[in-house]
Amino acid sequence: MRFEIIYQELVDSTEMIRTLLAGISQEETRIKPNPDSWSILELLCHLCDEEIEDFREHLDFILKPDNKDWHNIDPQSWVTTRKYNEQVFANIQKKFFRERRKSLDWLKSLSEENWDTSNISEYGPRSAGELLVSWIAHDNLAVRQFVELRRNRIENITKPYSIDYAGDW
């Protein structure tokens, strides 16, 4: 694994997320395409909590266990228990990008770590490298979800005009 490339992927996905959040109103961020899906606001809150309570914390746990316990998380229930869709979009945006900056600065200090270091989590053994690349893959999933939610937004704000001419989605 080449850390500098992986690190840059996380930097790049951060900017993709920033761009995908631009120009959307508070009300638009709360819209769900269907009852079982997440809104833009819920997805952003999820990313923010994952930034603080999952990837950074768990990677630190693997690399420097210091007799700490793996912090259990429950991202699915947080959507409702933490009332994600009631949050203020601008505040969550600021918080996410502030926390991501902390993560990037912290990661930069780890460039010489042994990425094969592993520890036992509630999910079984995990290596630091596996968690780091999963962080990037998680960002990629979020980018895809934001793109899909933006497409849904476009379909709604362009009515009565069809966007079918653009091609199959």
C-alpha atoms as a PDB file:
ATOM      1  CA  MET A   1       0.000   0.000   0.000  1.00  0.00           C
ATOM      2  CA  ARG A   2       1.332   3.429  -0.910  1.00  0.00           C
ATOM      3  CA  PHE A   3       0.224   5.706   1.907  1.00  0.00           C
ATOM      4  CA  GLU A   4       0.646   8.942  -0.060  1.00  0.00           C
ATOM      5  CA  ILE A   5      -1.778   7.753  -2.760  1.00  0.00           C
ATOM      6  CA  ILE A   6      -4.299   6.492  -0.214  1.00  0.00           C
ATOM      7  CA  TYR A   7      -4.022   9.758   1.733  1.00  0.00           C
ATOM      8  CA  GLN A   8      -4.611  11.781  -1.453  1.00  0.00           C
ATOM      9  CA  GLU A   9      -7.704   9.686  -2.207  1.00  0.00           C
ATOM     10  CA  LEU A  10      -9.138  10.790   1.130  1.00  0.00           C
ATOM     11  CA  VAL A  11      -8.253  14.420   0.372  1.00  0.00           C
ATOM     12  CA  ASP A  12      -9.902  14.124  -3.052  1.00  0.00           C
ATOM     13  CA  SER A  13     -13.066  12.479  -1.727  1.00  0.00           C
ATOM     14  CA  THR A  14     -13.350  15.286   0.824  1.00  0.00           C
ATOM     15  CA  GLU A  15     -13.423  17.825  -2.001  1.00  0.00           C
ATOM     16  CA  MET A  16     -15.938  15.733  -3.957  1.00  0.00           C
ATOM     17  CA  ILE A  17     -18.218  15.723  -0.912  1.00  0.00           C
ATOM     18  CA  ARG A  18     -17.781  19.478  -0.486  1.00  0.00           C
ATOM     19  CA  THR A  19     -18.793  20.025  -4.126  1.00  0.00           C
ATOM     20  CA  LEU A  20     -21.767  17.664  -3.915  1.00  0.00           C
ATOM     21  CA  LEU A  21     -23.114  19.602  -0.924  1.00  0.00           C
ATOM     22  CA  ALA A  22     -22.916  22.995  -2.628  1.00  0.00           C
ATOM     23  CA  GLY A  23     -26.051  24.939  -3.535  1.00  0.00           C
ATOM     24  CA  ILE A  24     -28.537  22.849  -1.590  1.00  0.00           C
ATOM     25  CA  SER A  25     -31.007  24.465   0.786  1.00  0.00           C
ATOM     26  CA  GLN A  26     -31.764  23.253   4.309  1.00  0.00           C
ATOM     27  CA  GLU A  27     -35.180  22.011   3.217  1.00  0.00           C
ATOM     28  CA  GLU A  28     -33.776  20.152   0.214  1.00  0.00           C
ATOM     29  CA  THR A  29     -31.277  18.365   2.460  1.00  0.00           C
ATOM     30  CA  ARG A  30     -34.148  16.753   4.375  1.00  0.00           C
ATOM     31  CA  ILE A  31     -35.896  15.202   1.353  1.00  0.00           C
ATOM     32  CA  LYS A  32     -35.828  11.415   1.138  1.00  0.00           C
ATOM     33  CA  PRO A  33     -36.465   9.747  -2.219  1.00  0.00           C
ATOM     34  CA  ASN A  34     -38.471   7.107  -0.333  1.00  0.00           C
ATOM     35  CA  PRO A  35     -39.203   6.294   3.313  1.00  0.00           C
ATOM     36  CA  ASP A  36     -36.421   3.693   3.516  1.00  0.00           C
ATOM     37  CA  SER A  37     -33.652   5.908   2.125  1.00  0.00           C
ATOM     38  CA  TRP A  38     -31.575   8.588   3.773  1.00  0.00           C
ATOM     39  CA  SER A  39     -31.689  12.277   3.015  1.00  0.00           C
ATOM     40  CA  ILE A  40     -28.624  14.373   2.167  1.00  0.00           C
ATOM     41  CA  LEU A  41     -28.670  15.699   5.735  1.00  0.00           C
ATOM     42  CA  GLU A  42     -28.861  12.220   7.238  1.00  0.00           C
ATOM     43  CA  LEU A  43     -25.980  11.036   5.072  1.00  0.00           C
ATOM     44  CA  LEU A  44     -23.860  14.030   6.061  1.00  0.00           C
ATOM     45  CA  CYS A  45     -24.610  13.500   9.766  1.00  0.00           C
ATOM     46  CA  HIS A  46     -23.642   9.856   9.324  1.00  0.00           C
ATOM     47  CA  LEU A  47     -20.326  10.855   7.742  1.00  0.00           C
ATOM     48  CA  CYS A  48     -19.662  13.302  10.541  1.00  0.00           C
ATOM     49  CA  ASP A  49     -20.286  10.727  13.266  1.00  0.00           C
ATOM     50  CA  GLU A  50     -18.250   8.109  11.405  1.00  0.00           C
ATOM     51  CA  GLU A  51     -15.400  10.614  11.130  1.00  0.00           C
ATOM     52  CA  ILE A  52     -15.336  11.165  14.877  1.00  0.00           C
ATOM     53  CA  GLU A  53     -16.487   7.869  16.367  1.00  0.00           C
ATOM     54  CA  ASP A  54     -15.448   5.238  13.863  1.00  0.00           C
ATOM     55  CA  PHE A  55     -12.575   5.518  11.424  1.00  0.00           C
ATOM     56  CA  ARG A  56     -10.197   7.883  13.214  1.00  0.00           C
ATOM     57  CA  GLU A  57     -10.879   6.438  16.649  1.00  0.00           C
ATOM     58  CA  HIS A  58     -10.706   2.820  15.540  1.00  0.00           C
ATOM     59  CA  LEU A  59      -7.569   3.318  13.483  1.00  0.00           C
ATOM     60  CA  ASP A  60      -5.952   4.888  16.551  1.00  0.00           C
ATOM     61  CA  PHE A  61      -7.142   1.888  18.596  1.00  0.00           C
ATOM     62  CA  ILE A  62      -5.440  -0.529  16.207  1.00  0.00           C
ATOM     63  CA  LEU A  63      -2.190   1.399  15.986  1.00  0.00           C
ATOM     64  CA  LYS A  64      -1.930   2.392  19.662  1.00  0.00           C
ATOM     65  CA  PRO A  65      -4.214   0.170  21.726  1.00  0.00           C
ATOM     66  CA  ASP A  66      -2.998   1.351  25.178  1.00  0.00           C
ATOM     67  CA  ASN A  67      -5.501  -1.018  26.808  1.00  0.00           C
ATOM     68  CA  LYS A  68      -8.453   0.850  25.272  1.00  0.00           C
ATOM     69  CA  ASP A  69     -11.577  -0.997  24.273  1.00  0.00           C
ATOM     70  CA  TRP A  70     -12.966  -0.952  20.757  1.00  0.00           C
ATOM     71  CA  HIS A  71     -15.656   1.732  20.754  1.00  0.00           C
ATOM     72  CA  ASN A  72     -18.957   0.141  19.721  1.00  0.00           C
ATOM     73  CA  ILE A  73     -20.980   2.050  17.164  1.00  0.00           C
ATOM     74  CA  ASP A  74     -24.510   1.761  15.823  1.00  0.00           C
ATOM     75  CA  PRO A  75     -24.729   3.982  12.724  1.00  0.00           C
ATOM     76  CA  GLN A  76     -28.118   2.644  11.630  1.00  0.00           C
ATOM     77  CA  SER A  77     -29.853   3.578  14.872  1.00  0.00           C
ATOM     78  CA  TRP A  78     -28.078   6.950  15.105  1.00  0.00           C
ATOM     79  CA  VAL A  79     -30.148   8.209  12.170  1.00  0.00           C
ATOM     80  CA  THR A  80     -33.227   8.272  14.401  1.00  0.00           C
ATOM     81  CA  THR A  81     -31.795   8.399  17.933  1.00  0.00           C
ATOM     82  CA  ARG A  82     -29.611  11.394  17.054  1.00  0.00           C
ATOM     83  CA  LYS A  83     -32.393  12.959  14.965  1.00  0.00           C
ATOM     84  CA  TYR A  84     -30.177  13.496  11.958  1.00  0.00           C
ATOM     85  CA  ASN A  85     -32.903  14.944   9.756  1.00  0.00           C
ATOM     86  CA  GLU A  86     -33.639  17.654  12.335  1.00  0.00           C
ATOM     87  CA  GLN A  87     -30.072  19.006  12.389  1.00  0.00           C
ATOM     88  CA  VAL A  88     -28.975  22.312  10.856  1.00  0.00           C
ATOM     89  CA  PHE A  89     -27.254  21.522   7.554  1.00  0.00           C
ATOM     90  CA  ALA A  90     -24.769  24.415   7.693  1.00  0.00           C
ATOM     91  CA  ASN A  91     -23.659  23.438  11.202  1.00  0.00           C
ATOM     92  CA  ILE A  92     -23.163  19.790  10.266  1.00  0.00           C
ATOM     93  CA  GLN A  93     -21.228  20.804   7.143  1.00  0.00           C
ATOM     94  CA  LYS A  94     -18.845  22.925   9.215  1.00  0.00           C
ATOM     95  CA  LYS A  95     -18.462  20.186  11.786  1.00  0.00           C
ATOM     96  CA  PHE A  96     -17.757  17.483   9.195  1.00  0.00           C
ATOM     97  CA  PHE A  97     -15.116  19.488   7.335  1.00  0.00           C
ATOM     98  CA  ARG A  98     -13.496  20.600  10.600  1.00  0.00           C
ATOM     99  CA  GLU A  99     -13.316  16.972  11.788  1.00  0.00           C
ATOM    100  CA  ARG A 100     -12.080  15.782   8.393  1.00  0.00           C
ATOM    101  CA  ARG A 101      -9.283  18.371   8.569  1.00  0.00           C
ATOM    102  CA  LYS A 102      -8.336  16.947  12.000  1.00  0.00           C
ATOM    103  CA  SER A 103      -8.359  13.450  10.532  1.00  0.00           C
ATOM    104  CA  LEU A 104      -6.196  14.430   7.567  1.00  0.00           C
ATOM    105  CA  ASP A 105      -3.689  16.207   9.803  1.00  0.00           C
ATOM    106  CA  TRP A 106      -3.604  13.223  12.148  1.00  0.00           C
ATOM    107  CA  LEU A 107      -3.219  10.756   9.265  1.00  0.00           C
ATOM    108  CA  LYS A 108      -0.331  12.778   7.838  1.00  0.00           C
ATOM    109  CA  SER A 109       1.529  12.188  11.103  1.00  0.00           C
ATOM    110  CA  LEU A 110       1.051   8.411  10.674  1.00  0.00           C
ATOM    111  CA  SER A 111       2.671   7.989   7.268  1.00  0.00           C
ATOM    112  CA  GLU A 112       5.454   5.779   8.687  1.00  0.00           C
ATOM    113  CA  GLU A 113       3.166   3.416  10.611  1.00  0.00           C
ATOM    114  CA  ASN A 114       3.149  -0.346  10.170  1.00  0.00           C
ATOM    115  CA  TRP A 115      -0.137  -0.769   8.320  1.00  0.00           C
ATOM    116  CA  ASP A 116      -0.077  -4.524   8.982  1.00  0.00           C
ATOM    117  CA  THR A 117      -0.558  -3.868  12.697  1.00  0.00           C
ATOM    118  CA  SER A 118      -3.785  -5.505  13.760  1.00  0.00           C
ATOM    119  CA  ASN A 119      -6.021  -5.714  16.757  1.00  0.00           C
ATOM    120  CA  ILE A 120      -9.233  -7.473  17.659  1.00  0.00           C
ATOM    121  CA  SER A 121     -12.459  -5.562  17.252  1.00  0.00           C
ATOM    122  CA  GLU A 122     -16.061  -6.553  17.703  1.00  0.00           C
ATOM    123  CA  TYR A 123     -15.855  -7.578  14.030  1.00  0.00           C
ATOM    124  CA  GLY A 124     -12.802  -9.789  14.508  1.00  0.00           C
ATOM    125  CA  PRO A 125      -9.175  -9.031  13.671  1.00  0.00           C
ATOM    126  CA  ARG A 126      -8.594  -5.822  11.705  1.00  0.00           C
ATOM    127  CA  SER A 127      -5.369  -4.414  10.354  1.00  0.00           C
ATOM    128  CA  ALA A 128      -4.638  -0.711  10.299  1.00  0.00           C
ATOM    129  CA  GLY A 129      -4.241  -0.847   6.513  1.00  0.00           C
ATOM    130  CA  GLU A 130      -7.603  -2.560   6.114  1.00  0.00           C
ATOM    131  CA  LEU A 131      -9.326   0.106   8.180  1.00  0.00           C
ATOM    132  CA  LEU A 132      -7.586   2.933   6.319  1.00  0.00           C
ATOM    133  CA  VAL A 133      -8.606   1.686   2.880  1.00  0.00           C
ATOM    134  CA  SER A 134     -12.125   0.966   4.169  1.00  0.00           C
ATOM    135  CA  TRP A 135     -12.332   4.627   5.179  1.00  0.00           C
ATOM    136  CA  ILE A 136     -11.729   5.611   1.569  1.00  0.00           C
ATOM    137  CA  ALA A 137     -14.189   3.027   0.281  1.00  0.00           C
ATOM    138  CA  HIS A 138     -16.768   4.394   2.747  1.00  0.00           C
ATOM    139  CA  ASP A 139     -16.204   7.884   1.316  1.00  0.00           C
ATOM    140  CA  ASN A 140     -16.716   6.479  -2.178  1.00  0.00           C
ATOM    141  CA  LEU A 141     -20.029   4.970  -1.114  1.00  0.00           C
ATOM    142  CA  ALA A 142     -21.080   8.325   0.333  1.00  0.00           C
ATOM    143  CA  VAL A 143     -20.083  10.154  -2.852  1.00  0.00           C
ATOM    144  CA  ARG A 144     -22.210   7.718  -4.857  1.00  0.00           C
ATOM    145  CA  GLN A 145     -25.152   8.262  -2.493  1.00  0.00           C
ATOM    146  CA  PHE A 146     -24.791  12.058  -2.684  1.00  0.00           C
ATOM    147  CA  VAL A 147     -24.755  11.861  -6.497  1.00  0.00           C
ATOM    148  CA  GLU A 148     -27.919   9.758  -6.448  1.00  0.00           C
ATOM    149  CA  LEU A 149     -29.608  12.165  -4.037  1.00  0.00           C
ATOM    150  CA  ARG A 150     -28.612  15.139  -6.202  1.00  0.00           C
ATOM    151  CA  ARG A 151     -30.052  13.380  -9.238  1.00  0.00           C
ATOM    152  CA  ASN A 152     -33.297  12.871  -7.350  1.00  0.00           C
ATOM    153  CA  ARG A 153     -33.240  16.579  -6.485  1.00  0.00           C
ATOM    154  CA  ILE A 154     -32.775  17.500 -10.155  1.00  0.00           C
ATOM    155  CA  GLU A 155     -35.671  15.258 -11.163  1.00  0.00           C
ATOM    156  CA  ASN A 156     -37.886  17.094  -8.668  1.00  0.00           C
ATOM    157  CA  ILE A 157     -36.875  20.675  -9.458  1.00  0.00           C
ATOM    158  CA  THR A 158     -37.051  20.274 -13.229  1.00  0.00           C
ATOM    159  CA  LYS A 159     -40.655  19.070 -13.338  1.00  0.00           C
ATOM    160  CA  PRO A 160     -42.650  19.084 -15.546  1.00  0.00           C
ATOM    161  CA  TYR A 161     -39.678  18.552 -17.851  1.00  0.00           C
ATOM    162  CA  SER A 162     -38.228  15.098 -18.289  1.00  0.00           C
ATOM    163  CA  ILE A 163     -34.508  14.445 -17.995  1.00  0.00           C
ATOM    164  CA  ASP A 164     -34.742  11.171 -19.930  1.00  0.00           C
ATOM    165  CA  TYR A 165     -32.826  12.654 -22.862  1.00  0.00           C
ATOM    166  CA  ALA A 166     -29.721  12.623 -20.653  1.00  0.00           C
ATOM    167  CA  GLY A 167     -29.607   8.827 -20.811  1.00  0.00           C
ATOM    168  CA  ASP A 168     -30.341   5.868 -18.604  1.00  0.00           C
ATOM    169  CA  TRP A 169     -29.499   6.194 -14.938  1.00  0.00           C
END
